[in-house]
């Protein structure tokens, strides 16, 4: 029997665009990241492992309970650089994989990050 369901098409101007389209390409990354967040009126710290990195944010494997929209502190070190202490917001979570968007990196750090990313393998 043939299906009579109408085909669903997403309008070009829809907010339901292809989820694979991104503002910035992601690159494979593998380094430790310290995450600081507020839980039960106290700051907690845990360690995560980066999986991907872009100009706009970072994907981490993290054994923790963070909510989308939560602002955290991230501390990590790019090769040849001092440790970076940046603010980020949780944008998504799937199991232990979290996606963070950087908040206010600044032009100098952004230039350093772009140079670092140019030597990495794309992940998507």
PDB file of N, CA and C in Angstrom:
ATOM      1  N   UNK A   1       0.843  -1.184   0.000  1.00  0.00           N
ATOM      2  CA  UNK A   1       0.000   0.000   0.000  1.00  0.00           C
ATOM      3  C   UNK A   1       0.882   1.240   0.000  1.00  0.00           C
ATOM      4  N   UNK A   2       0.572   2.204  -0.797  1.00  0.00           N
ATOM      5  CA  UNK A   2       1.328   3.441  -0.904  1.00  0.00           C
ATOM      6  C   UNK A   2       0.956   4.395   0.224  1.00  0.00           C
ATOM      7  N   UNK A   3       1.946   5.114   0.692  1.00  0.00           N
ATOM      8  CA  UNK A   3       1.715   6.095   1.734  1.00  0.00           C
ATOM      9  C   UNK A   3       1.050   7.327   1.126  1.00  0.00           C
ATOM     10  N   UNK A   4       0.089   7.872   1.823  1.00  0.00           N
ATOM     11  CA  UNK A   4      -0.595   9.072   1.345  1.00  0.00           C
ATOM     12  C   UNK A   4      -0.194  10.305   2.146  1.00  0.00           C
ATOM     13  N   UNK A   5       0.843  10.164   2.979  1.00  0.00           N
ATOM     14  CA  UNK A   5       1.289  11.319   3.762  1.00  0.00           C
ATOM     15  C   UNK A   5       1.913  12.353   2.840  1.00  0.00           C
ATOM     16  N   UNK A   6       1.618  13.624   3.063  1.00  0.00           N
ATOM     17  CA  UNK A   6       2.251  14.663   2.243  1.00  0.00           C
ATOM     18  C   UNK A   6       3.728  14.784   2.615  1.00  0.00           C
ATOM     19  N   UNK A   7       4.529  15.150   1.641  1.00  0.00           N
ATOM     20  CA  UNK A   7       5.951  15.352   1.874  1.00  0.00           C
ATOM     21  C   UNK A   7       6.138  16.656   2.639  1.00  0.00           C
ATOM     22  N   UNK A   8       6.952  16.610   3.705  1.00  0.00           N
ATOM     23  CA  UNK A   8       7.207  17.798   4.504  1.00  0.00           C
ATOM     24  C   UNK A   8       8.421  18.516   3.943  1.00  0.00           C
ATOM     25  N   UNK A   9       8.274  19.796   3.616  1.00  0.00           N
ATOM     26  CA  UNK A   9       9.384  20.593   3.118  1.00  0.00           C
ATOM     27  C   UNK A   9       9.600  21.771   4.046  1.00  0.00           C
ATOM     28  N   UNK A  10      10.859  22.055   4.309  1.00  0.00           N
ATOM     29  CA  UNK A  10      11.216  23.160   5.192  1.00  0.00           C
ATOM     30  C   UNK A  10      11.417  24.413   4.357  1.00  0.00           C
ATOM     31  N   UNK A  11      10.698  25.488   4.661  1.00  0.00           N
ATOM     32  CA  UNK A  11      10.887  26.737   3.920  1.00  0.00           C
ATOM     33  C   UNK A  11      12.322  27.239   4.070  1.00  0.00           C
ATOM     34  N   UNK A  12      12.831  27.907   3.053  1.00  0.00           N
ATOM     35  CA  UNK A  12      14.212  28.393   3.044  1.00  0.00           C
ATOM     36  C   UNK A  12      14.495  29.351   4.197  1.00  0.00           C
ATOM     37  N   UNK A  13      13.502  30.130   4.602  1.00  0.00           N
ATOM     38  CA  UNK A  13      13.704  31.099   5.673  1.00  0.00           C
ATOM     39  C   UNK A  13      13.306  30.548   7.042  1.00  0.00           C
ATOM     40  N   UNK A  14      13.130  29.249   7.156  1.00  0.00           N
ATOM     41  CA  UNK A  14      12.693  28.623   8.394  1.00  0.00           C
ATOM     42  C   UNK A  14      13.817  28.564   9.419  1.00  0.00           C
ATOM     43  N   UNK A  15      13.450  28.563  10.698  1.00  0.00           N
ATOM     44  CA  UNK A  15      14.444  28.372  11.749  1.00  0.00           C
ATOM     45  C   UNK A  15      14.859  26.913  11.849  1.00  0.00           C
ATOM     46  N   UNK A  16      14.201  26.024  11.106  1.00  0.00           N
ATOM     47  CA  UNK A  16      14.529  24.604  11.110  1.00  0.00           C
ATOM     48  C   UNK A  16      15.445  24.266   9.948  1.00  0.00           C
ATOM     49  N   UNK A  17      16.493  25.069   9.768  1.00  0.00           N
ATOM     50  CA  UNK A  17      17.450  24.830   8.699  1.00  0.00           C
ATOM     51  C   UNK A  17      18.204  23.538   8.978  1.00  0.00           C
ATOM     52  N   UNK A  18      18.962  23.119   7.990  1.00  0.00           N
ATOM     53  CA  UNK A  18      19.822  21.960   8.155  1.00  0.00           C
ATOM     54  C   UNK A  18      20.694  22.161   9.385  1.00  0.00           C
ATOM     55  N   UNK A  19      20.632  21.242  10.337  1.00  0.00           N
ATOM     56  CA  UNK A  19      21.375  21.372  11.587  1.00  0.00           C
ATOM     57  C   UNK A  19      22.876  21.297  11.363  1.00  0.00           C
ATOM     58  N   UNK A  20      23.301  20.819  10.204  1.00  0.00           N
ATOM     59  CA  UNK A  20      24.726  20.723   9.923  1.00  0.00           C
ATOM     60  C   UNK A  20      25.313  22.064   9.483  1.00  0.00           C
ATOM     61  N   UNK A  21      24.469  23.039   9.159  1.00  0.00           N
ATOM     62  CA  UNK A  21      25.009  24.340   8.772  1.00  0.00           C
ATOM     63  C   UNK A  21      25.374  25.092  10.045  1.00  0.00           C
ATOM     64  N   UNK A  22      26.573  25.658  10.074  1.00  0.00           N
ATOM     65  CA  UNK A  22      27.083  26.310  11.266  1.00  0.00           C
ATOM     66  C   UNK A  22      27.681  27.661  10.909  1.00  0.00           C
ATOM     67  N   UNK A  23      27.790  28.520  11.898  1.00  0.00           N
ATOM     68  CA  UNK A  23      28.448  29.810  11.693  1.00  0.00           C
ATOM     69  C   UNK A  23      29.933  29.608  11.417  1.00  0.00           C
ATOM     70  N   UNK A  24      30.547  28.657  12.121  1.00  0.00           N
ATOM     71  CA  UNK A  24      31.985  28.418  12.028  1.00  0.00           C
ATOM     72  C   UNK A  24      32.243  26.921  11.874  1.00  0.00           C
ATOM     73  N   UNK A  25      33.186  26.541  11.018  1.00  0.00           N
ATOM     74  CA  UNK A  25      33.523  25.119  10.900  1.00  0.00           C
ATOM     75  C   UNK A  25      34.168  24.611  12.191  1.00  0.00           C
ATOM     76  N   UNK A  26      33.933  23.343  12.473  1.00  0.00           N
ATOM     77  CA  UNK A  26      34.520  22.724  13.656  1.00  0.00           C
ATOM     78  C   UNK A  26      35.752  21.918  13.264  1.00  0.00           C
ATOM     79  N   UNK A  27      36.700  21.842  14.197  1.00  0.00           N
ATOM     80  CA  UNK A  27      37.951  21.125  13.981  1.00  0.00           C
ATOM     81  C   UNK A  27      38.171  20.148  15.124  1.00  0.00           C
ATOM     82  N   UNK A  28      38.803  19.019  14.802  1.00  0.00           N
ATOM     83  CA  UNK A  28      39.099  18.020  15.830  1.00  0.00           C
ATOM     84  C   UNK A  28      40.087  18.602  16.830  1.00  0.00           C
ATOM     85  N   UNK A  29      39.809  18.375  18.105  1.00  0.00           N
ATOM     86  CA  UNK A  29      40.687  18.866  19.169  1.00  0.00           C
ATOM     87  C   UNK A  29      40.718  17.830  20.283  1.00  0.00           C
ATOM     88  N   UNK A  30      41.838  17.758  20.969  1.00  0.00           N
ATOM     89  CA  UNK A  30      41.997  16.759  22.021  1.00  0.00           C
ATOM     90  C   UNK A  30      42.896  17.327  23.115  1.00  0.00           C
ATOM     91  N   UNK A  31      42.287  18.033  24.070  1.00  0.00           N
ATOM     92  CA  UNK A  31      43.036  18.554  25.211  1.00  0.00           C
ATOM     93  C   UNK A  31      42.086  18.670  26.401  1.00  0.00           C
ATOM     94  N   UNK A  32      42.664  18.740  27.566  1.00  0.00           N
ATOM     95  CA  UNK A  32      41.877  18.826  28.800  1.00  0.00           C
ATOM     96  C   UNK A  32      41.351  20.244  29.015  1.00  0.00           C
ATOM     97  N   UNK A  33      40.141  20.300  29.594  1.00  0.00           N
ATOM     98  CA  UNK A  33      39.499  21.583  29.894  1.00  0.00           C
ATOM     99  C   UNK A  33      38.930  21.496  31.310  1.00  0.00           C
ATOM    100  N   UNK A  34      39.211  22.504  32.116  1.00  0.00           N
ATOM    101  CA  UNK A  34      38.618  22.586  33.446  1.00  0.00           C
ATOM    102  C   UNK A  34      37.354  23.430  33.340  1.00  0.00           C
ATOM    103  N   UNK A  35      36.260  22.900  33.877  1.00  0.00           N
ATOM    104  CA  UNK A  35      34.961  23.567  33.806  1.00  0.00           C
ATOM    105  C   UNK A  35      34.540  23.952  35.225  1.00  0.00           C
ATOM    106  N   UNK A  36      34.202  25.223  35.423  1.00  0.00           N
ATOM    107  CA  UNK A  36      33.719  25.710  36.712  1.00  0.00           C
ATOM    108  C   UNK A  36      32.282  26.177  36.528  1.00  0.00           C
ATOM    109  N   UNK A  37      31.413  25.714  37.419  1.00  0.00           N
ATOM    110  CA  UNK A  37      29.994  26.039  37.320  1.00  0.00           C
ATOM    111  C   UNK A  37      29.400  26.161  38.717  1.00  0.00           C
ATOM    112  N   UNK A  38      28.251  26.814  38.804  1.00  0.00           N
ATOM    113  CA  UNK A  38      27.562  27.017  40.073  1.00  0.00           C
ATOM    114  C   UNK A  38      26.553  25.893  40.276  1.00  0.00           C
ATOM    115  N   UNK A  39      26.667  25.202  41.431  1.00  0.00           N
ATOM    116  CA  UNK A  39      25.720  24.132  41.771  1.00  0.00           C
ATOM    117  C   UNK A  39      25.433  24.214  43.266  1.00  0.00           C
ATOM    118  N   UNK A  40      24.176  24.271  43.612  1.00  0.00           N
ATOM    119  CA  UNK A  40      23.755  24.337  45.018  1.00  0.00           C
ATOM    120  C   UNK A  40      24.465  25.475  45.759  1.00  0.00           C
ATOM    121  N   UNK A  41      24.485  26.661  45.151  1.00  0.00           N
ATOM    122  CA  UNK A  41      25.057  27.878  45.728  1.00  0.00           C
ATOM    123  C   UNK A  41      26.565  27.801  45.982  1.00  0.00           C
ATOM    124  N   UNK A  42      27.236  26.833  45.344  1.00  0.00           N
ATOM    125  CA  UNK A  42      28.691  26.714  45.472  1.00  0.00           C
ATOM    126  C   UNK A  42      29.296  26.471  44.099  1.00  0.00           C
ATOM    127  N   UNK A  43      30.492  26.998  43.899  1.00  0.00           N
ATOM    128  CA  UNK A  43      31.179  26.737  42.645  1.00  0.00           C
ATOM    129  C   UNK A  43      31.790  25.344  42.680  1.00  0.00           C
ATOM    130  N   UNK A  44      31.564  24.598  41.615  1.00  0.00           N
ATOM    131  CA  UNK A  44      32.102  23.242  41.459  1.00  0.00           C
ATOM    132  C   UNK A  44      33.057  23.255  40.276  1.00  0.00           C
ATOM    133  N   UNK A  45      34.043  22.391  40.318  1.00  0.00           N
ATOM    134  CA  UNK A  45      34.997  22.263  39.224  1.00  0.00           C
ATOM    135  C   UNK A  45      35.079  20.806  38.807  1.00  0.00           C
ATOM    136  N   UNK A  46      35.118  20.588  37.503  1.00  0.00           N
ATOM    137  CA  UNK A  46      35.270  19.240  36.964  1.00  0.00           C
ATOM    138  C   UNK A  46      36.162  19.316  35.729  1.00  0.00           C
ATOM    139  N   UNK A  47      36.690  18.178  35.329  1.00  0.00           N
ATOM    140  CA  UNK A  47      37.558  18.115  34.150  1.00  0.00           C
ATOM    141  C   UNK A  47      36.789  17.532  32.974  1.00  0.00           C
ATOM    142  N   UNK A  48      37.043  18.075  31.793  1.00  0.00           N
ATOM    143  CA  UNK A  48      36.454  17.577  30.566  1.00  0.00           C
ATOM    144  C   UNK A  48      37.529  17.374  29.516  1.00  0.00           C
ATOM    145  N   UNK A  49      37.151  16.758  28.423  1.00  0.00           N
ATOM    146  CA  UNK A  49      38.071  16.514  27.313  1.00  0.00           C
ATOM    147  C   UNK A  49      37.469  17.109  26.050  1.00  0.00           C
ATOM    148  N   UNK A  50      38.240  17.964  25.372  1.00  0.00           N
ATOM    149  CA  UNK A  50      37.722  18.579  24.145  1.00  0.00           C
ATOM    150  C   UNK A  50      37.613  17.543  23.044  1.00  0.00           C
ATOM    151  N   UNK A  51      36.590  17.688  22.220  1.00  0.00           N
ATOM    152  CA  UNK A  51      36.378  16.809  21.063  1.00  0.00           C
ATOM    153  C   UNK A  51      36.442  17.601  19.774  1.00  0.00           C
ATOM    154  N   UNK A  52      35.954  18.842  19.827  1.00  0.00           N
ATOM    155  CA  UNK A  52      36.011  19.719  18.661  1.00  0.00           C
ATOM    156  C   UNK A  52      36.078  21.161  19.135  1.00  0.00           C
ATOM    157  N   UNK A  53      36.549  22.015  18.221  1.00  0.00           N
ATOM    158  CA  UNK A  53      36.795  23.411  18.547  1.00  0.00           C
ATOM    159  C   UNK A  53      36.504  24.255  17.322  1.00  0.00           C
ATOM    160  N   UNK A  54      35.970  25.441  17.541  1.00  0.00           N
ATOM    161  CA  UNK A  54      35.724  26.380  16.446  1.00  0.00           C
ATOM    162  C   UNK A  54      35.968  27.786  16.959  1.00  0.00           C
ATOM    163  N   UNK A  55      35.832  28.768  16.064  1.00  0.00           N
ATOM    164  CA  UNK A  55      35.965  30.165  16.475  1.00  0.00           C
ATOM    165  C   UNK A  55      34.873  30.549  17.470  1.00  0.00           C
ATOM    166  N   UNK A  56      33.750  29.860  17.395  1.00  0.00           N
ATOM    167  CA  UNK A  56      32.606  30.229  18.221  1.00  0.00           C
ATOM    168  C   UNK A  56      32.422  29.425  19.483  1.00  0.00           C
ATOM    169  N   UNK A  57      33.106  28.266  19.597  1.00  0.00           N
ATOM    170  CA  UNK A  57      32.879  27.456  20.782  1.00  0.00           C
ATOM    171  C   UNK A  57      33.666  26.167  20.786  1.00  0.00           C
ATOM    172  N   UNK A  58      33.276  25.283  21.705  1.00  0.00           N
ATOM    173  CA  UNK A  58      34.008  24.040  21.924  1.00  0.00           C
ATOM    174  C   UNK A  58      33.035  22.926  22.306  1.00  0.00           C
ATOM    175  N   UNK A  59      33.332  21.726  21.852  1.00  0.00           N
ATOM    176  CA  UNK A  59      32.578  20.541  22.246  1.00  0.00           C
ATOM    177  C   UNK A  59      33.406  19.750  23.231  1.00  0.00           C
ATOM    178  N   UNK A  60      32.799  19.371  24.350  1.00  0.00           N
ATOM    179  CA  UNK A  60      33.509  18.649  25.401  1.00  0.00           C
ATOM    180  C   UNK A  60      32.801  17.370  25.786  1.00  0.00           C
ATOM    181  N   UNK A  61      33.580  16.361  26.145  1.00  0.00           N
ATOM    182  CA  UNK A  61      33.066  15.202  26.867  1.00  0.00           C
ATOM    183  C   UNK A  61      33.212  15.538  28.334  1.00  0.00           C
ATOM    184  N   UNK A  62      32.108  15.455  29.059  1.00  0.00           N
ATOM    185  CA  UNK A  62      32.091  15.946  30.424  1.00  0.00           C
ATOM    186  C   UNK A  62      31.132  15.111  31.266  1.00  0.00           C
ATOM    187  N   UNK A  63      31.631  14.570  32.352  1.00  0.00           N
ATOM    188  CA  UNK A  63      30.777  13.830  33.285  1.00  0.00           C
ATOM    189  C   UNK A  63      30.245  14.824  34.310  1.00  0.00           C
ATOM    190  N   UNK A  64      29.150  15.448  33.983  1.00  0.00           N
ATOM    191  CA  UNK A  64      28.570  16.458  34.860  1.00  0.00           C
ATOM    192  C   UNK A  64      27.135  16.710  34.476  1.00  0.00           C
ATOM    193  N   UNK A  65      26.476  17.508  35.253  1.00  0.00           N
ATOM    194  CA  UNK A  65      25.079  17.853  34.994  1.00  0.00           C
ATOM    195  C   UNK A  65      24.953  19.347  34.807  1.00  0.00           C
ATOM    196  N   UNK A  66      25.007  19.781  33.573  1.00  0.00           N
ATOM    197  CA  UNK A  66      24.837  21.190  33.247  1.00  0.00           C
ATOM    198  C   UNK A  66      23.568  21.355  32.430  1.00  0.00           C
ATOM    199  N   UNK A  67      22.942  22.501  32.575  1.00  0.00           N
ATOM    200  CA  UNK A  67      21.711  22.780  31.836  1.00  0.00           C
ATOM    201  C   UNK A  67      21.997  23.704  30.664  1.00  0.00           C
ATOM    202  N   UNK A  68      21.251  23.549  29.597  1.00  0.00           N
ATOM    203  CA  UNK A  68      21.362  24.462  28.460  1.00  0.00           C
ATOM    204  C   UNK A  68      21.058  25.876  28.946  1.00  0.00           C
ATOM    205  N   UNK A  69      21.879  26.827  28.520  1.00  0.00           N
ATOM    206  CA  UNK A  69      21.729  28.210  28.943  1.00  0.00           C
ATOM    207  C   UNK A  69      22.600  28.577  30.128  1.00  0.00           C
ATOM    208  N   UNK A  70      23.166  27.581  30.791  1.00  0.00           N
ATOM    209  CA  UNK A  70      24.018  27.831  31.954  1.00  0.00           C
ATOM    210  C   UNK A  70      25.359  28.423  31.505  1.00  0.00           C
ATOM    211  N   UNK A  71      25.831  29.425  32.223  1.00  0.00           N
ATOM    212  CA  UNK A  71      27.125  30.052  31.932  1.00  0.00           C
ATOM    213  C   UNK A  71      28.174  29.416  32.837  1.00  0.00           C
ATOM    214  N   UNK A  72      29.308  29.055  32.235  1.00  0.00           N
ATOM    215  CA  UNK A  72      30.384  28.379  32.959  1.00  0.00           C
ATOM    216  C   UNK A  72      31.712  29.064  32.672  1.00  0.00           C
ATOM    217  N   UNK A  73      32.707  28.718  33.453  1.00  0.00           N
ATOM    218  CA  UNK A  73      34.075  29.131  33.185  1.00  0.00           C
ATOM    219  C   UNK A  73      34.832  27.954  32.604  1.00  0.00           C
ATOM    220  N   UNK A  74      35.613  28.184  31.566  1.00  0.00           N
ATOM    221  CA  UNK A  74      36.437  27.147  30.952  1.00  0.00           C
ATOM    222  C   UNK A  74      37.892  27.578  31.026  1.00  0.00           C
ATOM    223  N   UNK A  75      38.755  26.675  31.444  1.00  0.00           N
ATOM    224  CA  UNK A  75      40.189  26.944  31.463  1.00  0.00           C
ATOM    225  C   UNK A  75      40.859  25.863  30.628  1.00  0.00           C
ATOM    226  N   UNK A  76      41.617  26.305  29.615  1.00  0.00           N
ATOM    227  CA  UNK A  76      42.342  25.367  28.761  1.00  0.00           C
ATOM    228  C   UNK A  76      43.572  26.057  28.209  1.00  0.00           C
ATOM    229  N   UNK A  77      44.463  25.249  27.661  1.00  0.00           N
ATOM    230  CA  UNK A  77      45.720  25.773  27.144  1.00  0.00           C
ATOM    231  C   UNK A  77      45.909  25.289  25.707  1.00  0.00           C
ATOM    232  N   UNK A  78      46.041  26.232  24.786  1.00  0.00           N
ATOM    233  CA  UNK A  78      46.423  25.898  23.417  1.00  0.00           C
ATOM    234  C   UNK A  78      47.944  25.781  23.385  1.00  0.00           C
ATOM    235  N   UNK A  79      48.499  24.948  22.504  1.00  0.00           N
ATOM    236  CA  UNK A  79      49.960  24.795  22.454  1.00  0.00           C
ATOM    237  C   UNK A  79      50.674  26.137  22.285  1.00  0.00           C
ATOM    238  N   UNK A  80      51.687  26.353  23.122  1.00  0.00           N
ATOM    239  CA  UNK A  80      52.474  27.584  23.045  1.00  0.00           C
ATOM    240  C   UNK A  80      51.832  28.788  23.689  1.00  0.00           C
ATOM    241  N   UNK A  81      50.676  28.607  24.311  1.00  0.00           N
ATOM    242  CA  UNK A  81      49.944  29.720  24.917  1.00  0.00           C
ATOM    243  C   UNK A  81      49.833  29.545  26.427  1.00  0.00           C
ATOM    244  N   UNK A  82      49.632  30.663  27.108  1.00  0.00           N
ATOM    245  CA  UNK A  82      49.282  30.617  28.522  1.00  0.00           C
ATOM    246  C   UNK A  82      47.872  30.040  28.634  1.00  0.00           C
ATOM    247  N   UNK A  83      47.495  29.613  29.817  1.00  0.00           N
ATOM    248  CA  UNK A  83      46.138  29.093  30.024  1.00  0.00           C
ATOM    249  C   UNK A  83      45.108  30.188  29.760  1.00  0.00           C
ATOM    250  N   UNK A  84      44.045  29.816  29.067  1.00  0.00           N
ATOM    251  CA  UNK A  84      42.945  30.733  28.799  1.00  0.00           C
ATOM    252  C   UNK A  84      41.837  30.462  29.817  1.00  0.00           C
ATOM    253  N   UNK A  85      41.294  31.513  30.371  1.00  0.00           N
ATOM    254  CA  UNK A  85      40.142  31.425  31.266  1.00  0.00           C
ATOM    255  C   UNK A  85      39.024  32.189  30.569  1.00  0.00           C
ATOM    256  N   UNK A  86      38.061  31.465  30.001  1.00  0.00           N
ATOM    257  CA  UNK A  86      37.003  32.102  29.212  1.00  0.00           C
ATOM    258  C   UNK A  86      35.629  31.736  29.763  1.00  0.00           C
ATOM    259  N   UNK A  87      34.671  32.553  29.475  1.00  0.00           N
ATOM    260  CA  UNK A  87      33.272  32.283  29.819  1.00  0.00           C
ATOM    261  C   UNK A  87      32.600  31.681  28.598  1.00  0.00           C
ATOM    262  N   UNK A  88      31.675  30.762  28.865  1.00  0.00           N
ATOM    263  CA  UNK A  88      30.941  30.112  27.778  1.00  0.00           C
ATOM    264  C   UNK A  88      29.551  29.757  28.282  1.00  0.00           C
ATOM    265  N   UNK A  89      28.639  29.579  27.346  1.00  0.00           N
ATOM    266  CA  UNK A  89      27.278  29.182  27.676  1.00  0.00           C
ATOM    267  C   UNK A  89      27.012  27.805  27.071  1.00  0.00           C
ATOM    268  N   UNK A  90      26.321  26.959  27.832  1.00  0.00           N
ATOM    269  CA  UNK A  90      25.957  25.624  27.341  1.00  0.00           C
ATOM    270  C   UNK A  90      24.862  25.796  26.295  1.00  0.00           C
ATOM    271  N   UNK A  91      25.127  25.337  25.068  1.00  0.00           N
ATOM    272  CA  UNK A  91      24.148  25.451  23.988  1.00  0.00           C
ATOM    273  C   UNK A  91      23.429  24.134  23.707  1.00  0.00           C
ATOM    274  N   UNK A  92      24.106  23.005  23.941  1.00  0.00           N
ATOM    275  CA  UNK A  92      23.418  21.730  23.760  1.00  0.00           C
ATOM    276  C   UNK A  92      24.096  20.639  24.570  1.00  0.00           C
ATOM    277  N   UNK A  93      23.355  19.562  24.775  1.00  0.00           N
ATOM    278  CA  UNK A  93      23.878  18.398  25.474  1.00  0.00           C
ATOM    279  C   UNK A  93      23.286  17.151  24.847  1.00  0.00           C
ATOM    280  N   UNK A  94      24.139  16.161  24.645  1.00  0.00           N
ATOM    281  CA  UNK A  94      23.697  14.841  24.188  1.00  0.00           C
ATOM    282  C   UNK A  94      24.512  13.826  24.973  1.00  0.00           C
ATOM    283  N   UNK A  95      23.909  13.256  26.000  1.00  0.00           N
ATOM    284  CA  UNK A  95      24.644  12.347  26.869  1.00  0.00           C
ATOM    285  C   UNK A  95      25.731  13.107  27.600  1.00  0.00           C
ATOM    286  N   UNK A  96      26.967  12.647  27.433  1.00  0.00           N
ATOM    287  CA  UNK A  96      28.106  13.297  28.077  1.00  0.00           C
ATOM    288  C   UNK A  96      28.774  14.326  27.178  1.00  0.00           C
ATOM    289  N   UNK A  97      28.245  14.537  25.990  1.00  0.00           N
ATOM    290  CA  UNK A  97      28.822  15.516  25.063  1.00  0.00           C
ATOM    291  C   UNK A  97      28.075  16.833  25.205  1.00  0.00           C
ATOM    292  N   UNK A  98      28.828  17.898  25.499  1.00  0.00           N
ATOM    293  CA  UNK A  98      28.265  19.224  25.654  1.00  0.00           C
ATOM    294  C   UNK A  98      28.830  20.146  24.585  1.00  0.00           C
ATOM    295  N   UNK A  99      28.001  21.063  24.106  1.00  0.00           N
ATOM    296  CA  UNK A  99      28.440  22.106  23.189  1.00  0.00           C
ATOM    297  C   UNK A  99      28.378  23.448  23.888  1.00  0.00           C
ATOM    298  N   UNK A 100      29.500  24.160  23.896  1.00  0.00           N
ATOM    299  CA  UNK A 100      29.600  25.462  24.558  1.00  0.00           C
ATOM    300  C   UNK A 100      29.878  26.543  23.531  1.00  0.00           C
ATOM    301  N   UNK A 101      29.232  27.702  23.697  1.00  0.00           N
ATOM    302  CA  UNK A 101      29.516  28.872  22.873  1.00  0.00           C
ATOM    303  C   UNK A 101      30.353  29.839  23.703  1.00  0.00           C
ATOM    304  N   UNK A 102      31.483  30.268  23.131  1.00  0.00           N
ATOM    305  CA  UNK A 102      32.324  31.235  23.828  1.00  0.00           C
ATOM    306  C   UNK A 102      31.604  32.573  23.953  1.00  0.00           C
ATOM    307  N   UNK A 103      31.845  33.259  25.062  1.00  0.00           N
ATOM    308  CA  UNK A 103      31.282  34.584  25.301  1.00  0.00           C
ATOM    309  C   UNK A 103      32.420  35.594  25.367  1.00  0.00           C
ATOM    310  N   UNK A 104      32.481  36.510  24.408  1.00  0.00           N
ATOM    311  CA  UNK A 104      33.440  37.607  24.437  1.00  0.00           C
ATOM    312  C   UNK A 104      34.900  37.205  24.484  1.00  0.00           C
ATOM    313  N   UNK A 105      35.370  36.486  23.480  1.00  0.00           N
ATOM    314  CA  UNK A 105      36.781  36.089  23.444  1.00  0.00           C
ATOM    315  C   UNK A 105      37.722  37.281  23.280  1.00  0.00           C
ATOM    316  N   UNK A 106      37.322  38.269  22.548  1.00  0.00           N
ATOM    317  CA  UNK A 106      38.193  39.405  22.269  1.00  0.00           C
ATOM    318  C   UNK A 106      38.978  39.162  20.990  1.00  0.00           C
ATOM    319  N   UNK A 107      39.356  40.239  20.320  1.00  0.00           N
ATOM    320  CA  UNK A 107      39.981  40.133  19.001  1.00  0.00           C
ATOM    321  C   UNK A 107      41.354  39.468  19.036  1.00  0.00           C
ATOM    322  N   UNK A 108      42.148  39.704  20.085  1.00  0.00           N
ATOM    323  CA  UNK A 108      43.481  39.098  20.163  1.00  0.00           C
ATOM    324  C   UNK A 108      43.393  37.586  20.315  1.00  0.00           C
ATOM    325  N   UNK A 109      42.541  37.128  21.211  1.00  0.00           N
ATOM    326  CA  UNK A 109      42.378  35.682  21.392  1.00  0.00           C
ATOM    327  C   UNK A 109      41.741  35.036  20.173  1.00  0.00           C
ATOM    328  N   UNK A 110      40.814  35.732  19.554  1.00  0.00           N
ATOM    329  CA  UNK A 110      40.181  35.194  18.358  1.00  0.00           C
ATOM    330  C   UNK A 110      41.215  34.992  17.247  1.00  0.00           C
ATOM    331  N   UNK A 111      42.139  35.927  17.096  1.00  0.00           N
ATOM    332  CA  UNK A 111      43.196  35.795  16.089  1.00  0.00           C
ATOM    333  C   UNK A 111      44.101  34.596  16.405  1.00  0.00           C
ATOM    334  N   UNK A 112      44.432  34.401  17.669  1.00  0.00           N
ATOM    335  CA  UNK A 112      45.248  33.253  18.078  1.00  0.00           C
ATOM    336  C   UNK A 112      44.499  31.957  17.803  1.00  0.00           C
ATOM    337  N   UNK A 113      43.215  31.947  18.128  1.00  0.00           N
ATOM    338  CA  UNK A 113      42.396  30.749  17.906  1.00  0.00           C
ATOM    339  C   UNK A 113      42.293  30.420  16.419  1.00  0.00           C
ATOM    340  N   UNK A 114      42.071  31.423  15.577  1.00  0.00           N
ATOM    341  CA  UNK A 114      41.997  31.201  14.127  1.00  0.00           C
ATOM    342  C   UNK A 114      43.299  30.594  13.609  1.00  0.00           C
ATOM    343  N   UNK A 115      44.432  31.119  14.066  1.00  0.00           N
ATOM    344  CA  UNK A 115      45.730  30.587  13.634  1.00  0.00           C
ATOM    345  C   UNK A 115      45.895  29.140  14.078  1.00  0.00           C
ATOM    346  N   UNK A 116      45.485  28.828  15.292  1.00  0.00           N
ATOM    347  CA  UNK A 116      45.579  27.454  15.800  1.00  0.00           C
ATOM    348  C   UNK A 116      44.684  26.511  14.993  1.00  0.00           C
ATOM    349  N   UNK A 117      43.468  26.945  14.711  1.00  0.00           N
ATOM    350  CA  UNK A 117      42.511  26.102  13.980  1.00  0.00           C
ATOM    351  C   UNK A 117      42.987  25.809  12.553  1.00  0.00           C
ATOM    352  N   UNK A 118      43.731  26.722  11.957  1.00  0.00           N
ATOM    353  CA  UNK A 118      44.176  26.535  10.581  1.00  0.00           C
ATOM    354  C   UNK A 118      45.062  25.303  10.422  1.00  0.00           C
ATOM    355  N   UNK A 119      45.644  24.817  11.523  1.00  0.00           N
ATOM    356  CA  UNK A 119      46.499  23.636  11.460  1.00  0.00           C
ATOM    357  C   UNK A 119      45.807  22.346  11.881  1.00  0.00           C
ATOM    358  N   UNK A 120      44.505  22.411  12.133  1.00  0.00           N
ATOM    359  CA  UNK A 120      43.766  21.223  12.592  1.00  0.00           C
ATOM    360  C   UNK A 120      42.920  20.622  11.478  1.00  0.00           C
ATOM    361  N   UNK A 121      42.526  19.369  11.687  1.00  0.00           N
ATOM    362  CA  UNK A 121      41.670  18.638  10.746  1.00  0.00           C
ATOM    363  C   UNK A 121      40.210  19.004  11.020  1.00  0.00           C
ATOM    364  N   UNK A 122      39.454  19.285   9.954  1.00  0.00           N
ATOM    365  CA  UNK A 122      38.024  19.586  10.123  1.00  0.00           C
ATOM    366  C   UNK A 122      37.296  18.351  10.635  1.00  0.00           C
ATOM    367  N   UNK A 123      36.288  18.599  11.487  1.00  0.00           N
ATOM    368  CA  UNK A 123      35.518  17.476  12.027  1.00  0.00           C
ATOM    369  C   UNK A 123      34.139  17.358  11.412  1.00  0.00           C
ATOM    370  N   UNK A 124      33.688  18.345  10.646  1.00  0.00           N
ATOM    371  CA  UNK A 124      32.378  18.216   9.977  1.00  0.00           C
ATOM    372  C   UNK A 124      32.377  18.794   8.597  1.00  0.00           C
TER     373      UNK A 124
END
